C-alpha cells in the first residue's frame, strides 16, 4: 500500500534564497480584506492576532523541545524580517526629492 506524499507549501523560492511568506500572506483572505482600504483598524489587527494565537495553540503542543526552540527562533526572525521588509518597501515608495520651499 503506497502513501501519497502530502503537498508541502515551500517556504523558499525556487532558488532557495528568498522566503515566500509575503507572497502567501497576500493570498490570505483576512489580509486582503484588511488591506483593501489601505489601512488596518484595531478590529482587523485583533482578528489577525486571534488567527496567529489559534495556530500557535494548535502547533506548539506537537513540537518536541528542540524543534520548539527552532520554530520559536524562526518566528522571531520572521517577525523581524517582516518589519524590516515593510519598512524597506515604505522607504522605497517615498519620493527621493527634497522639498525646497
PDB file of N, CA and C in Angstrom:
ATOM      1  N   UNK A   1       0.850  -1.184   0.000  1.00  0.00           N
ATOM      2  CA  UNK A   1       0.000   0.000   0.000  1.00  0.00           C
ATOM      3  C   UNK A   1       0.890   1.241   0.000  1.00  0.00           C
ATOM      4  N   UNK A   2       0.755   2.074  -1.017  1.00  0.00           N
ATOM      5  CA  UNK A   2       1.600   3.265  -1.091  1.00  0.00           C
ATOM      6  C   UNK A   2       0.851   4.467  -0.548  1.00  0.00           C
ATOM      7  N   UNK A   3       1.594   5.291   0.128  1.00  0.00           N
ATOM      8  CA  UNK A   3       1.012   6.510   0.680  1.00  0.00           C
ATOM      9  C   UNK A   3       1.466   7.680  -0.171  1.00  0.00           C
ATOM     10  N   UNK A   4       0.521   8.460  -0.657  1.00  0.00           N
ATOM     11  CA  UNK A   4       0.865   9.636  -1.447  1.00  0.00           C
ATOM     12  C   UNK A   4       1.484  10.676  -0.522  1.00  0.00           C
ATOM     13  N   UNK A   5       2.547  11.277  -0.999  1.00  0.00           N
ATOM     14  CA  UNK A   5       3.217  12.305  -0.208  1.00  0.00           C
ATOM     15  C   UNK A   5       2.330  13.543  -0.161  1.00  0.00           C
ATOM     16  N   UNK A   6       2.100  14.049   1.024  1.00  0.00           N
ATOM     17  CA  UNK A   6       1.286  15.251   1.161  1.00  0.00           C
ATOM     18  C   UNK A   6       2.018  16.438   0.546  1.00  0.00           C
ATOM     19  N   UNK A   7       1.249  17.320  -0.082  1.00  0.00           N
ATOM     20  CA  UNK A   7       1.830  18.537  -0.653  1.00  0.00           C
ATOM     21  C   UNK A   7       2.298  19.445   0.468  1.00  0.00           C
ATOM     22  N   UNK A   8       3.496  19.948   0.320  1.00  0.00           N
ATOM     23  CA  UNK A   8       4.051  20.896   1.286  1.00  0.00           C
ATOM     24  C   UNK A   8       4.230  22.226   0.591  1.00  0.00           C
ATOM     25  N   UNK A   9       3.717  23.273   1.190  1.00  0.00           N
ATOM     26  CA  UNK A   9       3.900  24.620   0.659  1.00  0.00           C
ATOM     27  C   UNK A   9       5.351  25.005   0.890  1.00  0.00           C
ATOM     28  N   UNK A  10       6.084  25.287  -0.177  1.00  0.00           N
ATOM     29  CA  UNK A  10       7.506  25.621   0.016  1.00  0.00           C
ATOM     30  C   UNK A  10       7.672  26.935   0.774  1.00  0.00           C
ATOM     31  N   UNK A  11       8.661  26.960   1.643  1.00  0.00           N
ATOM     32  CA  UNK A  11       8.949  28.167   2.407  1.00  0.00           C
ATOM     33  C   UNK A  11       9.841  29.122   1.639  1.00  0.00           C
ATOM     34  N   UNK A  12      10.631  28.595   0.707  1.00  0.00           N
ATOM     35  CA  UNK A  12      11.585  29.412  -0.053  1.00  0.00           C
ATOM     36  C   UNK A  12      11.260  29.360  -1.532  1.00  0.00           C
ATOM     37  N   UNK A  13      11.749  30.364  -2.272  1.00  0.00           N
ATOM     38  CA  UNK A  13      11.544  30.390  -3.711  1.00  0.00           C
ATOM     39  C   UNK A  13      12.314  29.247  -4.383  1.00  0.00           C
ATOM     40  N   UNK A  14      12.182  29.120  -5.696  1.00  0.00           N
ATOM     41  CA  UNK A  14      12.808  28.020  -6.425  1.00  0.00           C
ATOM     42  C   UNK A  14      14.318  27.972  -6.252  1.00  0.00           C
ATOM     43  N   UNK A  15      14.946  29.124  -6.087  1.00  0.00           N
ATOM     44  CA  UNK A  15      16.394  29.168  -5.887  1.00  0.00           C
ATOM     45  C   UNK A  15      16.783  28.875  -4.444  1.00  0.00           C
ATOM     46  N   UNK A  16      15.806  28.915  -3.553  1.00  0.00           N
ATOM     47  CA  UNK A  16      16.077  28.659  -2.143  1.00  0.00           C
ATOM     48  C   UNK A  16      16.728  29.815  -1.424  1.00  0.00           C
ATOM     49  N   UNK A  17      16.607  31.018  -1.994  1.00  0.00           N
ATOM     50  CA  UNK A  17      17.271  32.188  -1.425  1.00  0.00           C
ATOM     51  C   UNK A  17      16.331  33.191  -0.773  1.00  0.00           C
ATOM     52  N   UNK A  18      15.043  33.150  -1.118  1.00  0.00           N
ATOM     53  CA  UNK A  18      14.111  34.167  -0.625  1.00  0.00           C
ATOM     54  C   UNK A  18      12.866  33.516  -0.026  1.00  0.00           C
ATOM     55  N   UNK A  19      12.452  33.985   1.154  1.00  0.00           N
ATOM     56  CA  UNK A  19      11.227  33.465   1.752  1.00  0.00           C
ATOM     57  C   UNK A  19      10.013  33.804   0.883  1.00  0.00           C
ATOM     58  N   UNK A  20       9.039  32.913   0.881  1.00  0.00           N
ATOM     59  CA  UNK A  20       7.812  33.109   0.106  1.00  0.00           C
ATOM     60  C   UNK A  20       6.679  33.669   0.970  1.00  0.00           C
ATOM     61  N   UNK A  21       6.980  34.031   2.201  1.00  0.00           N
ATOM     62  CA  UNK A  21       5.956  34.425   3.167  1.00  0.00           C
ATOM     63  C   UNK A  21       5.102  35.586   2.674  1.00  0.00           C
ATOM     64  N   UNK A  22       5.711  36.606   2.107  1.00  0.00           N
ATOM     65  CA  UNK A  22       4.941  37.776   1.675  1.00  0.00           C
ATOM     66  C   UNK A  22       3.969  37.406   0.561  1.00  0.00           C
ATOM     67  N   UNK A  23       4.395  36.530  -0.346  1.00  0.00           N
ATOM     68  CA  UNK A  23       3.518  36.091  -1.424  1.00  0.00           C
ATOM     69  C   UNK A  23       2.325  35.322  -0.874  1.00  0.00           C
ATOM     70  N   UNK A  24       2.578  34.457   0.120  1.00  0.00           N
ATOM     71  CA  UNK A  24       1.490  33.683   0.709  1.00  0.00           C
ATOM     72  C   UNK A  24       0.573  34.578   1.533  1.00  0.00           C
ATOM     73  N   UNK A  25       1.131  35.502   2.263  1.00  0.00           N
ATOM     74  CA  UNK A  25       0.314  36.407   3.086  1.00  0.00           C
ATOM     75  C   UNK A  25      -0.638  37.213   2.212  1.00  0.00           C
ATOM     76  N   UNK A  26      -0.166  37.602   1.029  1.00  0.00           N
ATOM     77  CA  UNK A  26      -1.001  38.394   0.124  1.00  0.00           C
ATOM     78  C   UNK A  26      -2.211  37.602  -0.363  1.00  0.00           C
ATOM     79  N   UNK A  27      -2.184  36.286  -0.223  1.00  0.00           N
ATOM     80  CA  UNK A  27      -3.292  35.439  -0.666  1.00  0.00           C
ATOM     81  C   UNK A  27      -4.300  35.158   0.451  1.00  0.00           C
ATOM     82  N   UNK A  28      -3.981  35.533   1.679  1.00  0.00           N
ATOM     83  CA  UNK A  28      -4.878  35.273   2.801  1.00  0.00           C
ATOM     84  C   UNK A  28      -6.084  36.199   2.754  1.00  0.00           C
ATOM     85  N   UNK A  29      -7.267  35.630   2.922  1.00  0.00           N
ATOM     86  CA  UNK A  29      -8.485  36.426   2.879  1.00  0.00           C
ATOM     87  C   UNK A  29      -8.511  37.547   3.891  1.00  0.00           C
ATOM     88  N   UNK A  30      -8.144  37.257   5.137  1.00  0.00           N
ATOM     89  CA  UNK A  30      -8.145  38.286   6.180  1.00  0.00           C
ATOM     90  C   UNK A  30      -7.188  39.417   5.866  1.00  0.00           C
ATOM     91  N   UNK A  31      -6.030  39.070   5.312  1.00  0.00           N
ATOM     92  CA  UNK A  31      -5.048  40.083   4.937  1.00  0.00           C
ATOM     93  C   UNK A  31      -5.585  40.954   3.809  1.00  0.00           C
ATOM     94  N   UNK A  32      -6.151  40.320   2.796  1.00  0.00           N
ATOM     95  CA  UNK A  32      -6.675  41.064   1.642  1.00  0.00           C
ATOM     96  C   UNK A  32      -7.802  42.004   2.074  1.00  0.00           C
ATOM     97  N   UNK A  33      -8.683  41.504   2.931  1.00  0.00           N
ATOM     98  CA  UNK A  33      -9.782  42.339   3.417  1.00  0.00           C
ATOM     99  C   UNK A  33      -9.258  43.529   4.214  1.00  0.00           C
ATOM    100  N   UNK A  34      -8.272  43.281   5.083  1.00  0.00           N
ATOM    101  CA  UNK A  34      -7.727  44.349   5.927  1.00  0.00           C
ATOM    102  C   UNK A  34      -7.006  45.401   5.090  1.00  0.00           C
ATOM    103  N   UNK A  35      -6.319  44.972   4.040  1.00  0.00           N
ATOM    104  CA  UNK A  35      -5.509  45.900   3.251  1.00  0.00           C
ATOM    105  C   UNK A  35      -6.296  46.590   2.139  1.00  0.00           C
ATOM    106  N   UNK A  36      -7.515  46.170   1.889  1.00  0.00           N
ATOM    107  CA  UNK A  36      -8.303  46.689   0.763  1.00  0.00           C
ATOM    108  C   UNK A  36      -8.464  48.205   0.817  1.00  0.00           C
ATOM    109  N   UNK A  37      -8.620  48.761   2.003  1.00  0.00           N
ATOM    110  CA  UNK A  37      -8.820  50.209   2.117  1.00  0.00           C
ATOM    111  C   UNK A  37      -7.532  50.959   2.439  1.00  0.00           C
ATOM    112  N   UNK A  38      -6.408  50.247   2.463  1.00  0.00           N
ATOM    113  CA  UNK A  38      -5.119  50.900   2.684  1.00  0.00           C
ATOM    114  C   UNK A  38      -4.813  51.223   4.141  1.00  0.00           C
ATOM    115  N   UNK A  39      -5.612  50.706   5.064  1.00  0.00           N
ATOM    116  CA  UNK A  39      -5.344  50.929   6.483  1.00  0.00           C
ATOM    117  C   UNK A  39      -5.759  49.693   7.260  1.00  0.00           C
ATOM    118  N   UNK A  40      -5.210  49.558   8.444  1.00  0.00           N
ATOM    119  CA  UNK A  40      -5.530  48.420   9.305  1.00  0.00           C
ATOM    120  C   UNK A  40      -6.124  48.968  10.591  1.00  0.00           C
ATOM    121  N   UNK A  41      -7.386  48.629  10.839  1.00  0.00           N
ATOM    122  CA  UNK A  41      -8.006  49.129  12.067  1.00  0.00           C
ATOM    123  C   UNK A  41      -7.804  48.139  13.214  1.00  0.00           C
ATOM    124  N   UNK A  42      -8.205  48.551  14.398  1.00  0.00           N
ATOM    125  CA  UNK A  42      -7.990  47.755  15.609  1.00  0.00           C
ATOM    126  C   UNK A  42      -8.638  46.379  15.501  1.00  0.00           C
ATOM    127  N   UNK A  43      -9.835  46.308  14.947  1.00  0.00           N
ATOM    128  CA  UNK A  43     -10.550  45.035  14.845  1.00  0.00           C
ATOM    129  C   UNK A  43      -9.859  44.086  13.863  1.00  0.00           C
ATOM    130  N   UNK A  44      -9.336  44.617  12.768  1.00  0.00           N
ATOM    131  CA  UNK A  44      -8.614  43.777  11.809  1.00  0.00           C
ATOM    132  C   UNK A  44      -7.333  43.228  12.432  1.00  0.00           C
ATOM    133  N   UNK A  45      -6.638  44.069  13.188  1.00  0.00           N
ATOM    134  CA  UNK A  45      -5.421  43.631  13.871  1.00  0.00           C
ATOM    135  C   UNK A  45      -5.749  42.563  14.920  1.00  0.00           C
ATOM    136  N   UNK A  46      -6.820  42.768  15.673  1.00  0.00           N
ATOM    137  CA  UNK A  46      -7.227  41.784  16.677  1.00  0.00           C
ATOM    138  C   UNK A  46      -7.617  40.457  16.030  1.00  0.00           C
ATOM    139  N   UNK A  47      -8.276  40.511  14.873  1.00  0.00           N
ATOM    140  CA  UNK A  47      -8.672  39.288  14.169  1.00  0.00           C
ATOM    141  C   UNK A  47      -7.439  38.527  13.690  1.00  0.00           C
ATOM    142  N   UNK A  48      -6.437  39.256  13.199  1.00  0.00           N
ATOM    143  CA  UNK A  48      -5.200  38.608  12.759  1.00  0.00           C
ATOM    144  C   UNK A  48      -4.470  37.989  13.948  1.00  0.00           C
ATOM    145  N   UNK A  49      -4.436  38.716  15.054  1.00  0.00           N
ATOM    146  CA  UNK A  49      -3.803  38.182  16.265  1.00  0.00           C
ATOM    147  C   UNK A  49      -4.503  36.899  16.708  1.00  0.00           C
ATOM    148  N   UNK A  50      -5.833  36.865  16.650  1.00  0.00           N
ATOM    149  CA  UNK A  50      -6.577  35.676  17.049  1.00  0.00           C
ATOM    150  C   UNK A  50      -6.235  34.483  16.152  1.00  0.00           C
ATOM    151  N   UNK A  51      -6.049  34.724  14.849  1.00  0.00           N
ATOM    152  CA  UNK A  51      -5.669  33.632  13.946  1.00  0.00           C
ATOM    153  C   UNK A  51      -4.279  33.113  14.291  1.00  0.00           C
ATOM    154  N   UNK A  52      -3.354  34.015  14.607  1.00  0.00           N
ATOM    155  CA  UNK A  52      -1.993  33.613  14.982  1.00  0.00           C
ATOM    156  C   UNK A  52      -2.019  32.815  16.279  1.00  0.00           C
ATOM    157  N   UNK A  53      -2.746  33.291  17.275  1.00  0.00           N
ATOM    158  CA  UNK A  53      -2.821  32.602  18.567  1.00  0.00           C
ATOM    159  C   UNK A  53      -3.424  31.216  18.396  1.00  0.00           C
ATOM    160  N   UNK A  54      -4.477  31.084  17.588  1.00  0.00           N
ATOM    161  CA  UNK A  54      -5.107  29.776  17.374  1.00  0.00           C
ATOM    162  C   UNK A  54      -4.128  28.797  16.741  1.00  0.00           C
ATOM    163  N   UNK A  55      -3.360  29.253  15.760  1.00  0.00           N
ATOM    164  CA  UNK A  55      -2.360  28.385  15.131  1.00  0.00           C
ATOM    165  C   UNK A  55      -1.255  28.007  16.108  1.00  0.00           C
ATOM    166  N   UNK A  56      -0.810  28.969  16.901  1.00  0.00           N
ATOM    167  CA  UNK A  56       0.228  28.677  17.896  1.00  0.00           C
ATOM    168  C   UNK A  56      -0.259  27.631  18.893  1.00  0.00           C
ATOM    169  N   UNK A  57      -1.501  27.774  19.360  1.00  0.00           N
ATOM    170  CA  UNK A  57      -2.049  26.822  20.325  1.00  0.00           C
ATOM    171  C   UNK A  57      -2.182  25.428  19.718  1.00  0.00           C
ATOM    172  N   UNK A  58      -2.462  25.345  18.430  1.00  0.00           N
ATOM    173  CA  UNK A  58      -2.607  24.051  17.772  1.00  0.00           C
ATOM    174  C   UNK A  58      -1.256  23.396  17.506  1.00  0.00           C
ATOM    175  N   UNK A  59      -0.258  24.191  17.157  1.00  0.00           N
ATOM    176  CA  UNK A  59       1.031  23.650  16.734  1.00  0.00           C
ATOM    177  C   UNK A  59       1.994  23.419  17.890  1.00  0.00           C
ATOM    178  N   UNK A  60       2.037  24.340  18.848  1.00  0.00           N
ATOM    179  CA  UNK A  60       3.040  24.267  19.914  1.00  0.00           C
ATOM    180  C   UNK A  60       3.072  22.928  20.649  1.00  0.00           C
ATOM    181  N   UNK A  61       1.938  22.359  21.028  1.00  0.00           N
ATOM    182  CA  UNK A  61       1.986  21.082  21.755  1.00  0.00           C
ATOM    183  C   UNK A  61       2.554  19.920  20.925  1.00  0.00           C
ATOM    184  N   UNK A  62       2.554  20.055  19.622  1.00  0.00           N
ATOM    185  CA  UNK A  62       3.034  18.991  18.735  1.00  0.00           C
ATOM    186  C   UNK A  62       4.568  18.981  18.604  1.00  0.00           C
ATOM    187  N   UNK A  63       5.227  20.028  19.062  1.00  0.00           N
ATOM    188  CA  UNK A  63       6.664  20.171  18.850  1.00  0.00           C
ATOM    189  C   UNK A  63       7.468  19.620  20.022  1.00  0.00           C
ATOM    190  N   UNK A  64       8.488  18.830  19.693  1.00  0.00           N
ATOM    191  CA  UNK A  64       9.396  18.393  20.761  1.00  0.00           C
ATOM    192  C   UNK A  64      10.240  19.603  21.169  1.00  0.00           C
ATOM    193  N   UNK A  65      10.896  19.560  22.332  1.00  0.00           N
ATOM    194  CA  UNK A  65      11.617  20.736  22.836  1.00  0.00           C
ATOM    195  C   UNK A  65      12.639  21.334  21.862  1.00  0.00           C
ATOM    196  N   UNK A  66      13.421  20.504  21.179  1.00  0.00           N
ATOM    197  CA  UNK A  66      14.440  21.033  20.263  1.00  0.00           C
ATOM    198  C   UNK A  66      13.791  21.732  19.080  1.00  0.00           C
ATOM    199  N   UNK A  67      12.761  21.101  18.498  1.00  0.00           N
ATOM    200  CA  UNK A  67      12.074  21.717  17.363  1.00  0.00           C
ATOM    201  C   UNK A  67      11.320  22.971  17.808  1.00  0.00           C
ATOM    202  N   UNK A  68      10.776  22.926  19.025  1.00  0.00           N
ATOM    203  CA  UNK A  68      10.087  24.103  19.573  1.00  0.00           C
ATOM    204  C   UNK A  68      11.034  25.304  19.610  1.00  0.00           C
ATOM    205  N   UNK A  69      12.258  25.091  20.049  1.00  0.00           N
ATOM    206  CA  UNK A  69      13.230  26.191  20.105  1.00  0.00           C
ATOM    207  C   UNK A  69      13.552  26.715  18.709  1.00  0.00           C
ATOM    208  N   UNK A  70      13.692  25.815  17.739  1.00  0.00           N
ATOM    209  CA  UNK A  70      13.980  26.247  16.369  1.00  0.00           C
ATOM    210  C   UNK A  70      12.809  27.016  15.770  1.00  0.00           C
ATOM    211  N   UNK A  71      11.594  26.542  16.000  1.00  0.00           N
ATOM    212  CA  UNK A  71      10.412  27.228  15.472  1.00  0.00           C
ATOM    213  C   UNK A  71      10.243  28.582  16.162  1.00  0.00           C
ATOM    214  N   UNK A  72      10.521  28.649  17.466  1.00  0.00           N
ATOM    215  CA  UNK A  72      10.457  29.925  18.186  1.00  0.00           C
ATOM    216  C   UNK A  72      11.426  30.929  17.561  1.00  0.00           C
ATOM    217  N   UNK A  73      12.648  30.478  17.305  1.00  0.00           N
ATOM    218  CA  UNK A  73      13.639  31.364  16.676  1.00  0.00           C
ATOM    219  C   UNK A  73      13.192  31.769  15.281  1.00  0.00           C
ATOM    220  N   UNK A  74      12.638  30.818  14.513  1.00  0.00           N
ATOM    221  CA  UNK A  74      12.126  31.130  13.175  1.00  0.00           C
ATOM    222  C   UNK A  74      11.040  32.194  13.244  1.00  0.00           C
ATOM    223  N   UNK A  75      10.105  32.054  14.171  1.00  0.00           N
ATOM    224  CA  UNK A  75       9.031  33.037  14.299  1.00  0.00           C
ATOM    225  C   UNK A  75       9.578  34.424  14.639  1.00  0.00           C
ATOM    226  N   UNK A  76      10.555  34.474  15.531  1.00  0.00           N
ATOM    227  CA  UNK A  76      11.165  35.765  15.901  1.00  0.00           C
ATOM    228  C   UNK A  76      11.912  36.381  14.723  1.00  0.00           C
ATOM    229  N   UNK A  77      12.710  35.566  14.033  1.00  0.00           N
ATOM    230  CA  UNK A  77      13.448  36.070  12.868  1.00  0.00           C
ATOM    231  C   UNK A  77      12.489  36.497  11.760  1.00  0.00           C
ATOM    232  N   UNK A  78      11.412  35.735  11.577  1.00  0.00           N
ATOM    233  CA  UNK A  78      10.423  36.069  10.557  1.00  0.00           C
ATOM    234  C   UNK A  78       9.717  37.378  10.893  1.00  0.00           C
ATOM    235  N   UNK A  79       9.400  37.574  12.160  1.00  0.00           N
ATOM    236  CA  UNK A  79       8.769  38.831  12.571  1.00  0.00           C
ATOM    237  C   UNK A  79       9.693  40.008  12.294  1.00  0.00           C
ATOM    238  N   UNK A  80      10.966  39.869  12.633  1.00  0.00           N
ATOM    239  CA  UNK A  80      11.937  40.935  12.369  1.00  0.00           C
ATOM    240  C   UNK A  80      12.047  41.178  10.863  1.00  0.00           C
ATOM    241  N   UNK A  81      12.109  40.099  10.083  1.00  0.00           N
ATOM    242  CA  UNK A  81      12.195  40.226   8.625  1.00  0.00           C
ATOM    243  C   UNK A  81      10.972  40.957   8.066  1.00  0.00           C
ATOM    244  N   UNK A  82       9.778  40.599   8.544  1.00  0.00           N
ATOM    245  CA  UNK A  82       8.563  41.248   8.049  1.00  0.00           C
ATOM    246  C   UNK A  82       8.559  42.740   8.345  1.00  0.00           C
ATOM    247  N   UNK A  83       8.987  43.106   9.539  1.00  0.00           N
ATOM    248  CA  UNK A  83       9.043  44.527   9.894  1.00  0.00           C
ATOM    249  C   UNK A  83      10.065  45.246   9.014  1.00  0.00           C
ATOM    250  N   UNK A  84      11.247  44.645   8.862  1.00  0.00           N
ATOM    251  CA  UNK A  84      12.287  45.256   8.034  1.00  0.00           C
ATOM    252  C   UNK A  84      11.849  45.346   6.575  1.00  0.00           C
ATOM    253  N   UNK A  85      11.215  44.295   6.059  1.00  0.00           N
ATOM    254  CA  UNK A  85      10.747  44.268   4.667  1.00  0.00           C
ATOM    255  C   UNK A  85       9.716  45.370   4.433  1.00  0.00           C
ATOM    256  N   UNK A  86       8.757  45.485   5.355  1.00  0.00           N
ATOM    257  CA  UNK A  86       7.724  46.508   5.230  1.00  0.00           C
ATOM    258  C   UNK A  86       8.333  47.907   5.287  1.00  0.00           C
ATOM    259  N   UNK A  87       9.234  48.118   6.220  1.00  0.00           N
ATOM    260  CA  UNK A  87       9.891  49.420   6.358  1.00  0.00           C
ATOM    261  C   UNK A  87      10.681  49.763   5.094  1.00  0.00           C
ATOM    262  N   UNK A  88      11.399  48.786   4.560  1.00  0.00           N
ATOM    263  CA  UNK A  88      12.178  48.981   3.333  1.00  0.00           C
ATOM    264  C   UNK A  88      11.261  49.360   2.170  1.00  0.00           C
ATOM    265  N   UNK A  89      10.134  48.658   2.026  1.00  0.00           N
ATOM    266  CA  UNK A  89       9.187  48.950   0.940  1.00  0.00           C
ATOM    267  C   UNK A  89       8.588  50.340   1.107  1.00  0.00           C
ATOM    268  N   UNK A  90       8.308  50.733   2.337  1.00  0.00           N
ATOM    269  CA  UNK A  90       7.774  52.074   2.574  1.00  0.00           C
ATOM    270  C   UNK A  90       8.791  53.141   2.189  1.00  0.00           C
ATOM    271  N   UNK A  91      10.058  52.912   2.541  1.00  0.00           N
ATOM    272  CA  UNK A  91      11.101  53.874   2.187  1.00  0.00           C
ATOM    273  C   UNK A  91      11.308  53.936   0.682  1.00  0.00           C
ATOM    274  N   UNK A  92      11.201  52.802  -0.002  1.00  0.00           N
ATOM    275  CA  UNK A  92      11.326  52.781  -1.464  1.00  0.00           C
ATOM    276  C   UNK A  92      10.214  53.590  -2.118  1.00  0.00           C
ATOM    277  N   UNK A  93       9.038  53.592  -1.512  1.00  0.00           N
ATOM    278  CA  UNK A  93       7.885  54.285  -2.083  1.00  0.00           C
ATOM    279  C   UNK A  93       7.910  55.783  -1.807  1.00  0.00           C
ATOM    280  N   UNK A  94       8.771  56.223  -0.889  1.00  0.00           N
ATOM    281  CA  UNK A  94       8.861  57.634  -0.538  1.00  0.00           C
ATOM    282  C   UNK A  94       9.597  58.392  -1.640  1.00  0.00           C
ATOM    283  N   UNK A  95       9.050  59.539  -2.067  1.00  0.00           N
ATOM    284  CA  UNK A  95       9.750  60.314  -3.096  1.00  0.00           C
ATOM    285  C   UNK A  95      11.172  60.656  -2.661  1.00  0.00           C
ATOM    286  N   UNK A  96      12.098  60.621  -3.599  1.00  0.00           N
ATOM    287  CA  UNK A  96      13.505  60.833  -3.295  1.00  0.00           C
ATOM    288  C   UNK A  96      13.932  62.305  -3.342  1.00  0.00           C
ATOM    289  N   UNK A  97      13.066  63.151  -3.835  1.00  0.00           N
ATOM    290  CA  UNK A  97      13.413  64.571  -3.938  1.00  0.00           C
ATOM    291  C   UNK A  97      13.117  65.278  -2.630  1.00  0.00           C
ATOM    292  N   UNK A  98      13.912  66.284  -2.335  1.00  0.00           N
ATOM    293  CA  UNK A  98      13.697  67.095  -1.134  1.00  0.00           C
ATOM    294  C   UNK A  98      12.860  68.303  -1.501  1.00  0.00           C
ATOM    295  N   UNK A  99      11.982  68.673  -0.592  1.00  0.00           N
ATOM    296  CA  UNK A  99      11.186  69.877  -0.795  1.00  0.00           C
ATOM    297  C   UNK A  99      12.044  71.093  -0.548  1.00  0.00           C
ATOM    298  N   UNK A 100      12.024  72.017  -1.469  1.00  0.00           N
ATOM    299  CA  UNK A 100      12.756  73.269  -1.307  1.00  0.00           C
ATOM    300  C   UNK A 100      11.737  74.407  -1.370  1.00  0.00           C
ATOM    301  N   UNK A 101      11.463  74.951  -0.220  1.00  0.00           N
ATOM    302  CA  UNK A 101      10.398  75.931  -0.157  1.00  0.00           C
ATOM    303  C   UNK A 101      10.868  77.320   0.043  1.00  0.00           C
TER     304      UNK A 101
END
